[in-house]
Each structure stands twice: as C-alpha cells, then as structure tokens.
Amino acid sequence: MIRGLNFLLSLLLLIAINQRVVFCQGKDEVIKEIKDKVEDIHLDTNLKSVTLQNEEFLDNMTDGGGELTGFYKNDMIYKIYESVAISYGVYVTEFYFWKNQLIYVRDRFSKYILDSANSLDFSRTETAYLGHYYFDKGKLIRSDVKGKDRFENEAEAAYKFFPKESEKNIELIRKKIKHN
C-alpha cells in the first residue's frame, strides 16, 4: 500500500514538473515570437506615419511638450511612438501591435544631467529607467525593468496602464489618419 502511494505521489510530482517545464518553454517561445514580430515591424519600409503634436494628444501640457507618431499600413497600426518632455527629463514609450493586439512596450525615462553649475543640461540625458513589457492575448506575460519605473502603486501598474494608454493612442492615431 505504501509502495503504491509513493509511486502515485512520484508520478503526480513528475507530471507537475513536466507541466511547469512545458509552460515555461511555451512562454519563452511566445517571447521569441514577439521579438521576431517587433523586428519585422522595424524592418517594414512600407509603413506610413502620422504625427500628433502636444495638445492633439496630451491631456495636460508639459514643460517640453510631446509628440505621438503612429506607424500603419492598410489601416492597421503596428507601432506608436510617444515622447513627452517634462521639466527634468523625457519619457519615450513605444507600443507594438500585431493583428490589432498589443504585444510589446518599451518604456524609458531619460533624465537631464546636472552641469557643473548644478543646473539641468537639456542637451544631455542619462537613462534612469528602462522597461520592456511583453503581452500575449491582452495579458502581461513578462516585464524586464532596470531602474525605478514610473508606477508608484498597484493601481497604475504596467499591466493596466499600457493596454489602456495604447487604446487611447490608437483612437487618436486613427482619427488623424482619417483626416489626412
């Protein structure tokens, strides 16, 4: 009886370990596919672009203004580049889409460097934060972050913020495309 129970427990443990390995391999494969798609988007020379400036997309004007550029082909948006300058640095966020689904976000904050007079040198920056966020079927599946990210609390966490922000940006880009 005990031998049978040990065999059963061993078998269940082996199945659980194998399921975890299969899941991890599947996730790694999805990440690789996302990276391949992002590379395909970068290499696509047939993408058209449209750009919105400052008040066309910003709810509140910032010190340095901003720019929102959408890259599209055949009414499908593949990439959105957002740059927003504030008094002490610049946020640059790149959203990537495949078949109208958010697949990847690269988010970076570069802060202005202090010069010898202890004033901000607006011509030089250093990366204070860099985040890579991978999405599959609308869910955040991996994030790699260096530095302190922009999310101070759970309510503004990346898995909620980026999908909502990308949807807002897509609508703005689509409106601009229709008016061009």
Protein backbone atom coordinates (compact mmCIF):
# COMPACT_ATOMS: atom_id res chain seq x y z
CA MET A 1 0.00 0.00 0.00
CA ILE A 2 2.75 2.47 0.95
CA ARG A 3 4.78 1.49 -2.13
CA GLY A 4 1.72 2.20 -4.33
CA LEU A 5 1.16 5.54 -2.60
CA ASN A 6 4.83 6.52 -3.08
CA PHE A 7 4.59 5.58 -6.76
CA LEU A 8 1.41 7.63 -7.17
CA LEU A 9 2.94 10.67 -5.41
CA SER A 10 6.09 10.37 -7.52
CA LEU A 11 4.03 10.16 -10.68
CA LEU A 12 1.97 13.23 -9.72
CA LEU A 13 5.15 15.18 -8.90
CA LEU A 14 6.70 14.19 -12.23
CA ILE A 15 3.57 15.32 -14.11
CA ALA A 16 3.54 18.66 -12.23
CA ILE A 17 7.22 19.29 -13.01
CA ASN A 18 6.73 18.44 -16.69
CA GLN A 19 3.70 20.74 -16.92
CA ARG A 20 5.79 23.60 -15.45
CA VAL A 21 8.63 22.97 -17.93
CA VAL A 22 6.20 22.89 -20.87
CA PHE A 23 4.59 26.14 -19.67
CA CYS A 24 7.98 27.89 -19.31
CA GLN A 25 9.12 26.70 -22.73
CA GLY A 26 5.85 27.92 -24.21
CA LYS A 27 6.29 31.34 -22.60
CA ASP A 28 9.87 31.59 -23.88
CA GLU A 29 8.65 30.70 -27.37
CA VAL A 30 5.97 33.41 -27.19
CA ILE A 31 8.60 35.97 -26.11
CA LYS A 32 10.79 34.95 -29.05
CA GLU A 33 7.83 35.30 -31.43
CA ILE A 34 7.11 38.77 -30.03
CA LYS A 35 10.74 39.80 -30.52
CA ASP A 36 10.62 38.50 -34.10
CA LYS A 37 7.43 40.45 -34.81
CA VAL A 38 8.91 43.64 -33.34
CA GLU A 39 11.94 43.17 -35.61
CA ASP A 40 9.62 42.65 -38.61
CA ILE A 41 7.87 45.92 -37.77
CA HIS A 42 11.21 47.74 -37.58
CA LEU A 43 12.26 46.39 -40.97
CA ASP A 44 8.96 47.13 -42.74
CA THR A 45 9.73 50.04 -45.08
CA ASN A 46 6.11 50.18 -46.31
CA LEU A 47 4.76 51.60 -43.06
CA LYS A 48 3.31 55.09 -43.32
CA SER A 49 3.38 57.51 -40.41
CA VAL A 50 1.22 60.24 -38.94
CA THR A 51 2.23 62.54 -36.07
CA LEU A 52 0.28 64.45 -33.44
CA GLN A 53 1.83 67.34 -31.53
CA ASN A 54 1.29 68.47 -27.94
CA GLU A 55 -2.36 69.43 -27.39
CA GLU A 56 -3.52 67.00 -30.08
CA PHE A 57 -2.86 64.13 -27.66
CA LEU A 58 -1.73 65.46 -24.26
CA ASP A 59 -4.44 65.98 -21.64
CA ASN A 60 -2.13 68.35 -19.77
CA MET A 61 0.64 70.29 -21.47
CA THR A 62 4.10 69.57 -20.14
CA ASP A 63 7.16 71.82 -19.95
CA GLY A 64 8.73 70.37 -23.06
CA GLY A 65 5.63 69.25 -24.95
CA GLY A 66 5.29 65.96 -26.72
CA GLU A 67 4.88 64.01 -29.90
CA LEU A 68 2.81 60.95 -30.78
CA THR A 69 3.59 59.12 -34.01
CA GLY A 70 1.67 56.16 -35.38
CA PHE A 71 3.10 53.77 -37.98
CA TYR A 72 0.49 51.97 -40.04
CA LYS A 73 -0.23 50.02 -43.20
CA ASN A 74 -3.63 49.18 -44.71
CA ASP A 75 -5.49 50.71 -41.75
CA MET A 76 -3.57 48.53 -39.28
CA ILE A 77 -1.42 50.28 -36.70
CA TYR A 78 1.83 48.45 -35.98
CA LYS A 79 3.74 50.89 -33.81
CA ILE A 80 3.11 54.03 -31.79
CA TYR A 81 5.99 56.21 -30.63
CA GLU A 82 5.24 58.62 -27.79
CA SER A 83 7.69 61.20 -26.48
CA VAL A 84 6.79 63.53 -23.61
CA ALA A 85 9.28 66.02 -22.18
CA ILE A 86 8.86 67.24 -18.62
CA SER A 87 10.97 69.69 -16.63
CA TYR A 88 13.59 67.14 -15.54
CA GLY A 89 13.60 64.55 -18.36
CA VAL A 90 11.90 62.79 -21.25
CA TYR A 91 9.58 59.78 -21.32
CA VAL A 92 9.71 57.72 -24.51
CA THR A 93 7.23 54.89 -24.87
CA GLU A 94 7.00 52.61 -27.90
CA PHE A 95 3.91 50.42 -28.33
CA TYR A 96 3.97 47.50 -30.79
CA PHE A 97 0.89 45.77 -32.17
CA TRP A 98 0.24 42.62 -34.16
CA LYS A 99 -3.21 41.95 -35.61
CA ASN A 100 -4.60 44.84 -33.53
CA GLN A 101 -3.24 43.35 -30.30
CA LEU A 102 -0.66 45.00 -28.03
CA ILE A 103 2.37 42.69 -27.96
CA TYR A 104 5.27 44.75 -26.63
CA VAL A 105 6.03 48.05 -24.89
CA ARG A 106 9.44 49.65 -24.48
CA ASP A 107 9.26 52.40 -21.87
CA ARG A 108 12.19 54.65 -21.00
CA PHE A 109 12.76 57.71 -18.87
CA SER A 110 15.89 59.73 -19.55
CA LYS A 111 16.67 62.42 -17.01
CA TYR A 112 18.56 65.60 -17.80
CA ILE A 113 22.06 65.72 -16.38
CA LEU A 114 23.20 68.39 -13.95
CA ASP A 115 26.05 70.56 -15.23
CA SER A 116 28.94 71.98 -13.18
CA ALA A 117 26.76 74.93 -12.05
CA ASN A 118 24.20 72.43 -10.71
CA SER A 119 21.70 73.37 -13.43
CA LEU A 120 19.98 70.95 -15.76
CA ASP A 121 21.74 70.49 -19.07
CA PHE A 122 18.85 69.99 -21.52
CA SER A 123 21.21 68.76 -24.24
CA ARG A 124 22.34 65.69 -22.27
CA THR A 125 20.42 62.85 -20.68
CA GLU A 126 21.03 59.57 -18.95
CA THR A 127 18.65 56.63 -18.73
CA ALA A 128 17.09 56.47 -15.29
CA TYR A 129 14.61 53.74 -16.11
CA LEU A 130 14.10 51.24 -18.93
CA GLY A 131 11.26 48.76 -19.08
CA HIS A 132 10.42 46.00 -21.56
CA TYR A 133 6.88 44.62 -21.31
CA TYR A 134 5.63 41.58 -23.25
CA PHE A 135 1.92 40.95 -23.78
CA ASP A 136 0.11 37.89 -25.07
CA LYS A 137 -3.64 37.85 -25.67
CA GLY A 138 -4.05 41.05 -23.68
CA LYS A 139 -2.13 39.81 -20.66
CA LEU A 140 1.28 40.93 -19.42
CA ILE A 141 3.45 37.81 -19.54
CA ARG A 142 6.87 39.26 -18.76
CA SER A 143 8.49 42.52 -17.73
CA ASP A 144 12.16 43.40 -17.53
CA VAL A 145 12.83 46.65 -15.69
CA LYS A 146 16.08 48.46 -14.93
CA GLY A 147 15.90 51.43 -12.59
CA LYS A 148 12.86 52.75 -10.74
CA ASP A 149 9.82 52.59 -13.00
CA ARG A 150 7.01 55.13 -13.21
CA PHE A 151 4.46 53.03 -11.32
CA GLU A 152 4.21 54.09 -7.70
CA ASN A 153 1.24 51.90 -6.77
CA GLU A 154 -0.61 48.81 -7.92
CA ALA A 155 -3.45 50.85 -9.46
CA GLU A 156 -1.05 52.23 -12.08
CA ALA A 157 0.83 49.01 -12.68
CA ALA A 158 2.10 48.28 -16.17
CA TYR A 159 -0.38 45.51 -16.85
CA LYS A 160 -3.24 48.01 -16.53
CA PHE A 161 -1.63 51.25 -17.69
CA PHE A 162 -0.08 50.23 -21.02
CA PRO A 163 -3.12 48.50 -22.56
CA LYS A 164 -5.36 51.44 -21.59
CA GLU A 165 -2.81 54.02 -22.84
CA SER A 166 -2.29 52.13 -26.11
CA GLU A 167 -6.05 52.02 -26.77
CA LYS A 168 -6.32 55.78 -26.21
CA ASN A 169 -3.37 56.40 -28.54
CA ILE A 170 -4.76 54.09 -31.24
CA GLU A 171 -8.01 56.07 -31.29
CA LEU A 172 -6.12 59.37 -31.62
CA ILE A 173 -3.94 57.99 -34.42
CA ARG A 174 -6.96 56.56 -36.28
CA LYS A 175 -8.71 59.94 -36.15
CA LYS A 176 -5.61 61.66 -37.51
CA ILE A 177 -5.29 59.10 -40.34
CA LYS A 178 -8.92 59.71 -41.35
CA HIS A 179 -8.32 63.47 -41.52
CA ASN A 180 -5.21 63.14 -43.71
